[in-house]
């Protein structure tokens, strides 16, 4: 499957959203902070922390391009509100391989992980505070939103706002 075919399939499935960004924090047309591994975020939930950091790592043969939004807690510490990872690696060949990789990475019992398919019939799934999907074989997006502050509607809105940059 070509990249264009995969992107069109994601558009049809609703996993990628090409409309103008909505909601989120002020600061221009891309509240998500620009390109992250070939993707942008068109929506951030109201009240999300404004301190952001980008970093790159690798784990288990998979490269991570990551962006984190943090807020200051009343005690003076910091707490992550949202973390978005763009994952790339041969190991991520299909949706099942992505799910198995993420279960291993997050130390979750894959057999007990209660996941729901993302709306739109694409390749993605979600659970409390976590959504992920395969953009194409070898390329995936995973996002984690603090479930103590944000609900499933916020999680799905952030996921829907993720789109390819090129």
N, C-alpha and C. Protein backbone atom coordinates (compact mmCIF):
# COMPACT_ATOMS: atom_id res chain seq x y z
N UNK A 1 0.85 -1.17 0.00
CA UNK A 1 0.00 0.00 0.00
C UNK A 1 0.90 1.23 0.00
N UNK A 2 0.62 2.17 -0.87
CA UNK A 2 1.42 3.38 -0.93
C UNK A 2 1.06 4.31 0.22
N UNK A 3 1.92 5.27 0.47
CA UNK A 3 1.65 6.25 1.52
C UNK A 3 0.38 7.02 1.21
N UNK A 4 0.19 7.39 -0.07
CA UNK A 4 -1.01 8.13 -0.45
C UNK A 4 -2.27 7.28 -0.22
N UNK A 5 -2.23 6.01 -0.58
CA UNK A 5 -3.37 5.13 -0.36
C UNK A 5 -3.66 4.99 1.12
N UNK A 6 -2.62 4.83 1.93
CA UNK A 6 -2.81 4.71 3.38
C UNK A 6 -3.41 6.00 3.95
N UNK A 7 -2.90 7.15 3.50
CA UNK A 7 -3.42 8.43 3.99
C UNK A 7 -4.88 8.60 3.61
N UNK A 8 -5.23 8.23 2.37
CA UNK A 8 -6.63 8.32 1.95
C UNK A 8 -7.51 7.39 2.77
N UNK A 9 -7.01 6.19 3.06
CA UNK A 9 -7.77 5.26 3.88
C UNK A 9 -8.01 5.84 5.27
N UNK A 10 -7.01 6.51 5.82
CA UNK A 10 -7.17 7.12 7.14
C UNK A 10 -8.17 8.27 7.10
N UNK A 11 -8.13 9.05 6.03
CA UNK A 11 -9.10 10.14 5.89
C UNK A 11 -10.52 9.60 5.87
N UNK A 12 -10.74 8.56 5.08
CA UNK A 12 -12.06 7.95 4.99
C UNK A 12 -12.47 7.38 6.34
N UNK A 13 -11.51 6.78 7.05
CA UNK A 13 -11.80 6.17 8.34
C UNK A 13 -11.99 7.19 9.45
N UNK A 14 -11.64 8.43 9.19
CA UNK A 14 -11.79 9.46 10.21
C UNK A 14 -10.62 9.54 11.17
N UNK A 15 -9.53 8.79 10.92
CA UNK A 15 -8.39 8.80 11.83
C UNK A 15 -7.51 10.02 11.60
N UNK A 16 -7.64 10.67 10.47
CA UNK A 16 -6.87 11.87 10.19
C UNK A 16 -7.86 12.95 9.81
N UNK A 17 -7.67 14.13 10.35
CA UNK A 17 -8.61 15.22 10.17
C UNK A 17 -7.89 16.37 9.49
N UNK A 18 -8.41 16.83 8.34
CA UNK A 18 -7.73 17.88 7.60
C UNK A 18 -8.41 19.24 7.72
N UNK A 19 -9.42 19.35 8.51
CA UNK A 19 -10.08 20.63 8.67
C UNK A 19 -9.20 21.57 9.48
N UNK A 20 -9.56 22.84 9.47
CA UNK A 20 -8.80 23.83 10.24
C UNK A 20 -8.83 23.47 11.72
N UNK A 21 -7.74 23.73 12.44
CA UNK A 21 -7.71 23.43 13.86
C UNK A 21 -8.81 24.16 14.61
N UNK A 22 -9.28 23.52 15.68
CA UNK A 22 -10.30 24.13 16.51
C UNK A 22 -9.91 23.98 17.97
N UNK A 23 -10.48 24.81 18.80
CA UNK A 23 -10.27 24.69 20.25
C UNK A 23 -8.82 24.85 20.63
N UNK A 24 -8.48 24.26 21.77
CA UNK A 24 -7.10 24.26 22.21
C UNK A 24 -6.68 25.56 22.85
N UNK A 25 -5.38 25.67 23.01
CA UNK A 25 -4.82 26.85 23.65
C UNK A 25 -4.57 27.91 22.61
N UNK A 26 -4.60 29.19 23.00
CA UNK A 26 -4.34 30.25 22.04
C UNK A 26 -2.90 30.17 21.53
N UNK A 27 -2.66 30.81 20.43
CA UNK A 27 -1.28 30.88 19.96
C UNK A 27 -1.14 30.61 18.49
N UNK A 28 -2.16 30.81 17.71
CA UNK A 28 -2.00 30.67 16.28
C UNK A 28 -2.83 29.54 15.71
N UNK A 29 -2.62 29.29 14.42
CA UNK A 29 -3.46 28.33 13.73
C UNK A 29 -3.16 26.88 14.08
N UNK A 30 -2.01 26.59 14.67
CA UNK A 30 -1.67 25.22 15.05
C UNK A 30 -1.41 25.17 16.55
N UNK A 31 -2.45 24.90 17.34
CA UNK A 31 -2.26 24.88 18.78
C UNK A 31 -1.35 23.75 19.25
N UNK A 32 -1.08 22.77 18.37
CA UNK A 32 -0.27 21.63 18.75
C UNK A 32 1.22 21.86 18.68
N UNK A 33 1.67 23.03 18.20
CA UNK A 33 3.08 23.36 18.23
C UNK A 33 3.85 23.02 16.97
N UNK A 34 3.18 22.74 15.87
CA UNK A 34 3.87 22.47 14.62
C UNK A 34 4.20 21.00 14.42
N UNK A 35 5.04 20.75 13.44
CA UNK A 35 5.35 19.39 13.01
C UNK A 35 5.96 18.54 14.12
N UNK A 36 5.46 17.33 14.23
CA UNK A 36 6.01 16.32 15.14
C UNK A 36 6.08 15.02 14.36
N UNK A 37 7.24 14.70 13.84
CA UNK A 37 7.43 13.45 13.12
C UNK A 37 6.53 13.28 11.91
N UNK A 38 6.14 14.40 11.27
CA UNK A 38 5.28 14.33 10.10
C UNK A 38 3.80 14.50 10.39
N UNK A 39 3.46 14.88 11.62
CA UNK A 39 2.07 15.08 12.02
C UNK A 39 1.94 16.42 12.75
N UNK A 40 0.74 16.96 12.78
CA UNK A 40 0.43 18.12 13.61
C UNK A 40 -0.85 17.82 14.39
N UNK A 41 -1.06 18.60 15.44
CA UNK A 41 -2.27 18.47 16.24
C UNK A 41 -3.12 19.71 16.02
N UNK A 42 -4.35 19.51 15.62
CA UNK A 42 -5.25 20.61 15.36
C UNK A 42 -6.14 20.95 16.53
N UNK A 43 -6.08 20.17 17.60
CA UNK A 43 -6.94 20.43 18.76
C UNK A 43 -6.23 20.01 20.04
N UNK A 44 -6.31 20.88 21.02
CA UNK A 44 -5.87 20.57 22.38
C UNK A 44 -7.03 20.91 23.31
N UNK A 45 -7.24 20.14 24.36
CA UNK A 45 -8.35 20.44 25.26
C UNK A 45 -8.13 21.73 26.05
N UNK A 46 -9.22 22.39 26.36
CA UNK A 46 -9.16 23.61 27.17
C UNK A 46 -8.54 23.27 28.53
N UNK A 47 -7.68 24.14 29.01
CA UNK A 47 -7.08 23.97 30.32
C UNK A 47 -5.81 23.15 30.33
N UNK A 48 -5.34 22.73 29.18
CA UNK A 48 -4.12 21.93 29.12
C UNK A 48 -2.92 22.80 29.49
N UNK A 49 -1.93 22.19 30.11
CA UNK A 49 -0.71 22.91 30.46
C UNK A 49 -0.04 23.50 29.24
N UNK A 50 0.66 24.60 29.43
CA UNK A 50 1.25 25.31 28.30
C UNK A 50 2.75 25.09 28.15
N UNK A 51 3.38 24.43 29.11
CA UNK A 51 4.81 24.14 28.99
C UNK A 51 4.96 22.92 28.10
N UNK A 52 5.70 23.06 27.01
CA UNK A 52 5.88 21.94 26.08
C UNK A 52 7.35 21.60 25.93
N UNK A 53 7.58 20.33 25.65
CA UNK A 53 8.93 19.83 25.39
C UNK A 53 8.85 18.80 24.27
N UNK A 54 9.83 18.83 23.39
CA UNK A 54 9.96 17.82 22.34
C UNK A 54 11.21 17.01 22.62
N UNK A 55 11.17 15.74 22.31
CA UNK A 55 12.35 14.91 22.46
C UNK A 55 12.23 13.69 21.57
N UNK A 56 13.35 13.04 21.34
CA UNK A 56 13.40 11.83 20.53
C UNK A 56 14.08 10.73 21.33
N UNK A 57 13.51 9.53 21.27
CA UNK A 57 14.07 8.38 21.96
C UNK A 57 13.89 7.16 21.07
N UNK A 58 14.42 6.04 21.55
CA UNK A 58 14.19 4.77 20.88
C UNK A 58 14.03 3.70 21.96
N UNK A 59 13.12 2.78 21.72
CA UNK A 59 12.90 1.68 22.64
C UNK A 59 12.43 0.48 21.84
N UNK A 60 13.02 -0.66 22.07
CA UNK A 60 12.60 -1.89 21.43
C UNK A 60 12.64 -1.86 19.91
N UNK A 61 13.59 -1.11 19.36
CA UNK A 61 13.70 -1.02 17.91
C UNK A 61 12.72 -0.06 17.26
N UNK A 62 12.03 0.74 18.06
CA UNK A 62 11.06 1.71 17.56
C UNK A 62 11.53 3.11 17.96
N UNK A 63 11.56 4.00 16.98
CA UNK A 63 11.95 5.40 17.23
C UNK A 63 10.71 6.19 17.65
N UNK A 64 10.89 7.08 18.63
CA UNK A 64 9.81 7.93 19.15
C UNK A 64 10.16 9.39 18.88
N UNK A 65 9.26 10.13 18.26
CA UNK A 65 9.31 11.59 18.23
C UNK A 65 8.18 12.01 19.17
N UNK A 66 8.51 12.70 20.24
CA UNK A 66 7.53 12.95 21.30
C UNK A 66 7.37 14.43 21.61
N UNK A 67 6.16 14.79 22.00
CA UNK A 67 5.88 16.14 22.50
C UNK A 67 5.03 15.97 23.76
N UNK A 68 5.38 16.75 24.79
CA UNK A 68 4.71 16.68 26.08
C UNK A 68 4.20 18.07 26.46
N UNK A 69 2.97 18.11 26.98
CA UNK A 69 2.39 19.34 27.54
C UNK A 69 2.29 19.13 29.05
N UNK A 70 2.88 20.05 29.82
CA UNK A 70 2.87 19.95 31.28
C UNK A 70 2.25 21.20 31.88
N UNK A 71 1.82 21.03 33.12
CA UNK A 71 1.32 22.17 33.90
C UNK A 71 1.99 22.14 35.26
N UNK A 72 2.03 23.29 35.89
CA UNK A 72 2.58 23.39 37.24
C UNK A 72 1.49 23.00 38.23
N UNK A 73 1.84 22.16 39.17
CA UNK A 73 0.87 21.74 40.19
C UNK A 73 0.91 22.72 41.36
N UNK A 74 -0.14 22.74 42.19
CA UNK A 74 -0.18 23.68 43.31
C UNK A 74 1.04 23.57 44.24
N UNK A 75 1.62 22.38 44.36
CA UNK A 75 2.78 22.20 45.22
C UNK A 75 4.09 22.64 44.59
N UNK A 76 4.02 23.15 43.34
CA UNK A 76 5.23 23.63 42.67
C UNK A 76 5.88 22.61 41.75
N UNK A 77 5.33 21.41 41.68
CA UNK A 77 5.87 20.40 40.77
C UNK A 77 5.27 20.54 39.38
N UNK A 78 5.47 19.54 38.58
CA UNK A 78 4.90 19.53 37.23
C UNK A 78 4.18 18.22 37.00
N UNK A 79 3.16 18.27 36.16
CA UNK A 79 2.39 17.06 35.81
C UNK A 79 2.13 17.08 34.31
N UNK A 80 2.28 15.93 33.68
CA UNK A 80 2.03 15.81 32.25
C UNK A 80 0.53 15.73 32.01
N UNK A 81 0.03 16.64 31.16
CA UNK A 81 -1.37 16.59 30.74
C UNK A 81 -1.53 15.75 29.48
N UNK A 82 -0.61 15.88 28.54
CA UNK A 82 -0.71 15.19 27.26
C UNK A 82 0.68 14.82 26.78
N UNK A 83 0.81 13.62 26.26
CA UNK A 83 2.04 13.19 25.60
C UNK A 83 1.64 12.56 24.28
N UNK A 84 2.24 13.04 23.20
CA UNK A 84 2.00 12.50 21.87
C UNK A 84 3.30 11.90 21.37
N UNK A 85 3.22 10.64 20.91
CA UNK A 85 4.37 9.96 20.33
C UNK A 85 4.05 9.60 18.88
N UNK A 86 4.98 9.93 18.00
CA UNK A 86 4.94 9.40 16.64
C UNK A 86 5.99 8.29 16.63
N UNK A 87 5.55 7.08 16.35
CA UNK A 87 6.38 5.89 16.45
C UNK A 87 6.73 5.39 15.06
N UNK A 88 7.99 5.01 14.86
CA UNK A 88 8.37 4.44 13.58
C UNK A 88 9.33 3.28 13.79
N UNK A 89 9.04 2.20 13.07
CA UNK A 89 9.88 1.02 13.14
C UNK A 89 9.22 -0.15 12.43
N UNK A 90 10.05 -1.02 11.88
CA UNK A 90 9.55 -2.19 11.15
C UNK A 90 8.64 -3.06 12.00
N UNK A 91 8.87 -3.04 13.27
CA UNK A 91 8.11 -3.85 14.22
C UNK A 91 6.61 -3.52 14.22
N UNK A 92 6.27 -2.33 13.78
CA UNK A 92 4.89 -1.85 13.78
C UNK A 92 4.23 -2.15 12.44
N UNK A 93 4.17 -3.41 12.08
CA UNK A 93 3.74 -3.82 10.75
C UNK A 93 2.22 -3.79 10.54
N UNK A 94 1.46 -3.95 11.62
CA UNK A 94 0.01 -4.00 11.51
C UNK A 94 -0.60 -3.57 12.85
N UNK A 95 -1.92 -3.35 12.88
CA UNK A 95 -2.53 -2.89 14.14
C UNK A 95 -2.27 -3.80 15.33
N UNK A 96 -2.27 -5.10 15.12
CA UNK A 96 -2.01 -6.03 16.23
C UNK A 96 -0.59 -5.90 16.76
N UNK A 97 0.36 -5.72 15.85
CA UNK A 97 1.75 -5.54 16.26
C UNK A 97 1.92 -4.24 17.04
N UNK A 98 1.22 -3.19 16.61
CA UNK A 98 1.26 -1.92 17.34
C UNK A 98 0.70 -2.09 18.75
N UNK A 99 -0.45 -2.73 18.86
CA UNK A 99 -1.07 -2.96 20.18
C UNK A 99 -0.14 -3.77 21.08
N UNK A 100 0.46 -4.82 20.53
CA UNK A 100 1.37 -5.65 21.32
C UNK A 100 2.60 -4.86 21.76
N UNK A 101 3.14 -4.03 20.86
CA UNK A 101 4.30 -3.21 21.21
C UNK A 101 3.94 -2.25 22.34
N UNK A 102 2.80 -1.57 22.22
CA UNK A 102 2.42 -0.60 23.25
C UNK A 102 2.12 -1.28 24.59
N UNK A 103 1.53 -2.45 24.56
CA UNK A 103 1.28 -3.20 25.81
C UNK A 103 2.61 -3.52 26.48
N UNK A 104 3.59 -3.96 25.70
CA UNK A 104 4.91 -4.26 26.25
C UNK A 104 5.57 -2.99 26.78
N UNK A 105 5.53 -1.93 26.00
CA UNK A 105 6.17 -0.66 26.38
C UNK A 105 5.57 -0.10 27.67
N UNK A 106 4.26 -0.14 27.79
CA UNK A 106 3.57 0.42 28.97
C UNK A 106 3.37 -0.61 30.08
N UNK A 107 3.92 -1.82 29.89
CA UNK A 107 3.82 -2.89 30.87
C UNK A 107 2.37 -3.19 31.24
N UNK A 108 1.56 -3.38 30.18
CA UNK A 108 0.15 -3.71 30.32
C UNK A 108 -0.04 -5.15 29.87
N UNK A 109 -0.86 -5.90 30.58
CA UNK A 109 -1.20 -7.25 30.16
C UNK A 109 -2.08 -7.15 28.92
N UNK A 110 -1.53 -7.48 27.74
CA UNK A 110 -2.25 -7.32 26.48
C UNK A 110 -3.57 -8.09 26.48
N UNK A 111 -3.61 -9.25 27.11
CA UNK A 111 -4.83 -10.06 27.13
C UNK A 111 -5.92 -9.40 27.97
N UNK A 112 -5.54 -8.60 28.95
CA UNK A 112 -6.51 -7.96 29.84
C UNK A 112 -6.81 -6.51 29.44
N UNK A 113 -6.10 -5.98 28.45
CA UNK A 113 -6.25 -4.58 28.05
C UNK A 113 -7.59 -4.40 27.34
N UNK A 114 -8.47 -3.68 27.95
CA UNK A 114 -9.81 -3.45 27.41
C UNK A 114 -9.78 -2.23 26.50
N UNK A 115 -9.77 -2.48 25.20
CA UNK A 115 -9.67 -1.44 24.19
C UNK A 115 -10.96 -1.33 23.39
N UNK A 116 -11.23 -0.14 22.92
CA UNK A 116 -12.38 0.14 22.06
C UNK A 116 -11.85 0.68 20.74
N UNK A 117 -12.46 0.29 19.63
CA UNK A 117 -12.04 0.83 18.34
C UNK A 117 -12.34 2.32 18.27
N UNK A 118 -11.41 3.07 17.69
CA UNK A 118 -11.65 4.49 17.47
C UNK A 118 -12.82 4.65 16.50
N UNK A 119 -13.62 5.70 16.68
CA UNK A 119 -14.73 5.93 15.74
C UNK A 119 -14.21 6.06 14.31
N UNK A 120 -14.98 5.64 13.36
CA UNK A 120 -14.60 5.78 11.97
C UNK A 120 -14.10 4.50 11.32
N UNK A 121 -13.93 3.44 12.10
CA UNK A 121 -13.54 2.16 11.53
C UNK A 121 -12.12 2.08 11.02
N UNK A 122 -11.22 2.91 11.53
CA UNK A 122 -9.83 2.87 11.10
C UNK A 122 -9.04 1.80 11.82
N UNK A 123 -7.74 2.02 11.93
CA UNK A 123 -6.84 1.04 12.53
C UNK A 123 -6.55 1.32 13.99
N UNK A 124 -7.30 2.22 14.62
CA UNK A 124 -6.95 2.63 15.96
C UNK A 124 -7.86 2.12 17.04
N UNK A 125 -7.34 2.23 18.26
CA UNK A 125 -8.08 1.84 19.44
C UNK A 125 -7.81 2.84 20.57
N UNK A 126 -8.64 2.77 21.59
CA UNK A 126 -8.42 3.62 22.76
C UNK A 126 -8.88 2.92 24.02
N UNK A 127 -8.33 3.39 25.13
CA UNK A 127 -8.72 3.00 26.47
C UNK A 127 -8.64 4.27 27.30
N UNK A 128 -8.94 4.17 28.56
CA UNK A 128 -8.92 5.36 29.40
C UNK A 128 -7.60 6.12 29.26
N UNK A 129 -7.69 7.34 28.72
CA UNK A 129 -6.53 8.22 28.64
C UNK A 129 -5.52 7.88 27.56
N UNK A 130 -5.78 6.90 26.70
CA UNK A 130 -4.79 6.48 25.71
C UNK A 130 -5.47 6.14 24.39
N UNK A 131 -4.98 6.72 23.30
CA UNK A 131 -5.47 6.38 21.96
C UNK A 131 -4.26 6.15 21.07
N UNK A 132 -4.40 5.23 20.11
CA UNK A 132 -3.30 4.95 19.19
C UNK A 132 -3.84 4.38 17.90
N UNK A 133 -3.09 4.58 16.83
CA UNK A 133 -3.47 4.03 15.53
C UNK A 133 -2.25 3.91 14.64
N UNK A 134 -2.38 3.03 13.67
CA UNK A 134 -1.35 2.80 12.67
C UNK A 134 -1.66 3.71 11.49
N UNK A 135 -0.76 4.64 11.19
CA UNK A 135 -0.94 5.54 10.05
C UNK A 135 -0.63 4.82 8.75
N UNK A 136 0.35 3.94 8.81
CA UNK A 136 0.75 3.07 7.71
C UNK A 136 1.69 2.04 8.32
N UNK A 137 1.93 0.93 7.65
CA UNK A 137 2.86 -0.04 8.24
C UNK A 137 4.20 0.63 8.59
N UNK A 138 4.60 0.46 9.84
CA UNK A 138 5.85 1.04 10.31
C UNK A 138 5.74 2.45 10.88
N UNK A 139 4.54 3.05 10.86
CA UNK A 139 4.36 4.42 11.35
C UNK A 139 3.05 4.52 12.12
N UNK A 140 3.13 4.97 13.37
CA UNK A 140 1.93 5.03 14.22
C UNK A 140 1.95 6.28 15.07
N UNK A 141 0.78 6.60 15.62
CA UNK A 141 0.62 7.72 16.55
C UNK A 141 0.01 7.16 17.83
N UNK A 142 0.56 7.59 18.96
CA UNK A 142 0.04 7.19 20.26
C UNK A 142 -0.07 8.46 21.10
N UNK A 143 -1.21 8.66 21.74
CA UNK A 143 -1.34 9.81 22.62
C UNK A 143 -1.94 9.39 23.94
N UNK A 144 -1.43 10.03 24.98
CA UNK A 144 -1.91 9.78 26.34
C UNK A 144 -2.32 11.11 26.94
N UNK A 145 -3.56 11.18 27.40
CA UNK A 145 -4.13 12.38 27.99
C UNK A 145 -4.49 12.04 29.43
N UNK A 146 -4.10 12.90 30.36
CA UNK A 146 -4.33 12.64 31.79
C UNK A 146 -5.82 12.37 32.06
N UNK A 147 -6.18 11.12 32.40
CA UNK A 147 -7.60 10.79 32.60
C UNK A 147 -8.17 11.37 33.90
N UNK A 148 -7.31 11.87 34.78
CA UNK A 148 -7.81 12.51 36.00
C UNK A 148 -8.33 13.92 35.72
N UNK A 149 -7.89 14.52 34.61
CA UNK A 149 -8.31 15.89 34.27
C UNK A 149 -9.20 15.95 33.04
N UNK A 150 -9.08 14.97 32.15
CA UNK A 150 -9.77 15.03 30.87
C UNK A 150 -10.51 13.72 30.60
N UNK A 151 -11.65 13.84 29.95
CA UNK A 151 -12.47 12.66 29.69
C UNK A 151 -12.25 12.07 28.30
N UNK A 152 -13.02 11.04 28.01
CA UNK A 152 -12.92 10.34 26.74
C UNK A 152 -13.23 11.27 25.57
N UNK A 153 -14.20 12.16 25.72
CA UNK A 153 -14.51 13.10 24.63
C UNK A 153 -13.30 13.95 24.29
N UNK A 154 -12.56 14.40 25.30
CA UNK A 154 -11.35 15.19 25.06
C UNK A 154 -10.30 14.35 24.34
N UNK A 155 -10.13 13.11 24.79
CA UNK A 155 -9.16 12.20 24.17
C UNK A 155 -9.48 12.01 22.69
N UNK A 156 -10.74 11.72 22.38
CA UNK A 156 -11.14 11.48 21.00
C UNK A 156 -11.02 12.75 20.15
N UNK A 157 -11.29 13.91 20.74
CA UNK A 157 -11.15 15.17 19.99
C UNK A 157 -9.68 15.43 19.64
N UNK A 158 -8.77 15.16 20.57
CA UNK A 158 -7.36 15.33 20.27
C UNK A 158 -6.95 14.37 19.16
N UNK A 159 -7.37 13.11 19.27
CA UNK A 159 -7.03 12.11 18.25
C UNK A 159 -7.57 12.51 16.88
N UNK A 160 -8.79 13.00 16.86
CA UNK A 160 -9.40 13.40 15.59
C UNK A 160 -8.65 14.57 14.96
N UNK A 161 -8.06 15.42 15.76
CA UNK A 161 -7.35 16.58 15.25
C UNK A 161 -5.95 16.32 14.73
N UNK A 162 -5.44 15.09 14.91
CA UNK A 162 -4.10 14.77 14.42
C UNK A 162 -4.16 14.58 12.91
N UNK A 163 -3.22 15.19 12.20
CA UNK A 163 -3.18 15.06 10.75
C UNK A 163 -1.76 15.04 10.23
N UNK A 164 -1.57 14.43 9.08
CA UNK A 164 -0.26 14.37 8.43
C UNK A 164 0.11 15.75 7.90
N UNK A 165 1.38 16.06 7.93
CA UNK A 165 1.83 17.35 7.43
C UNK A 165 2.19 17.31 5.95
N UNK A 166 2.44 16.17 5.40
CA UNK A 166 2.83 16.16 3.99
C UNK A 166 2.60 14.85 3.38
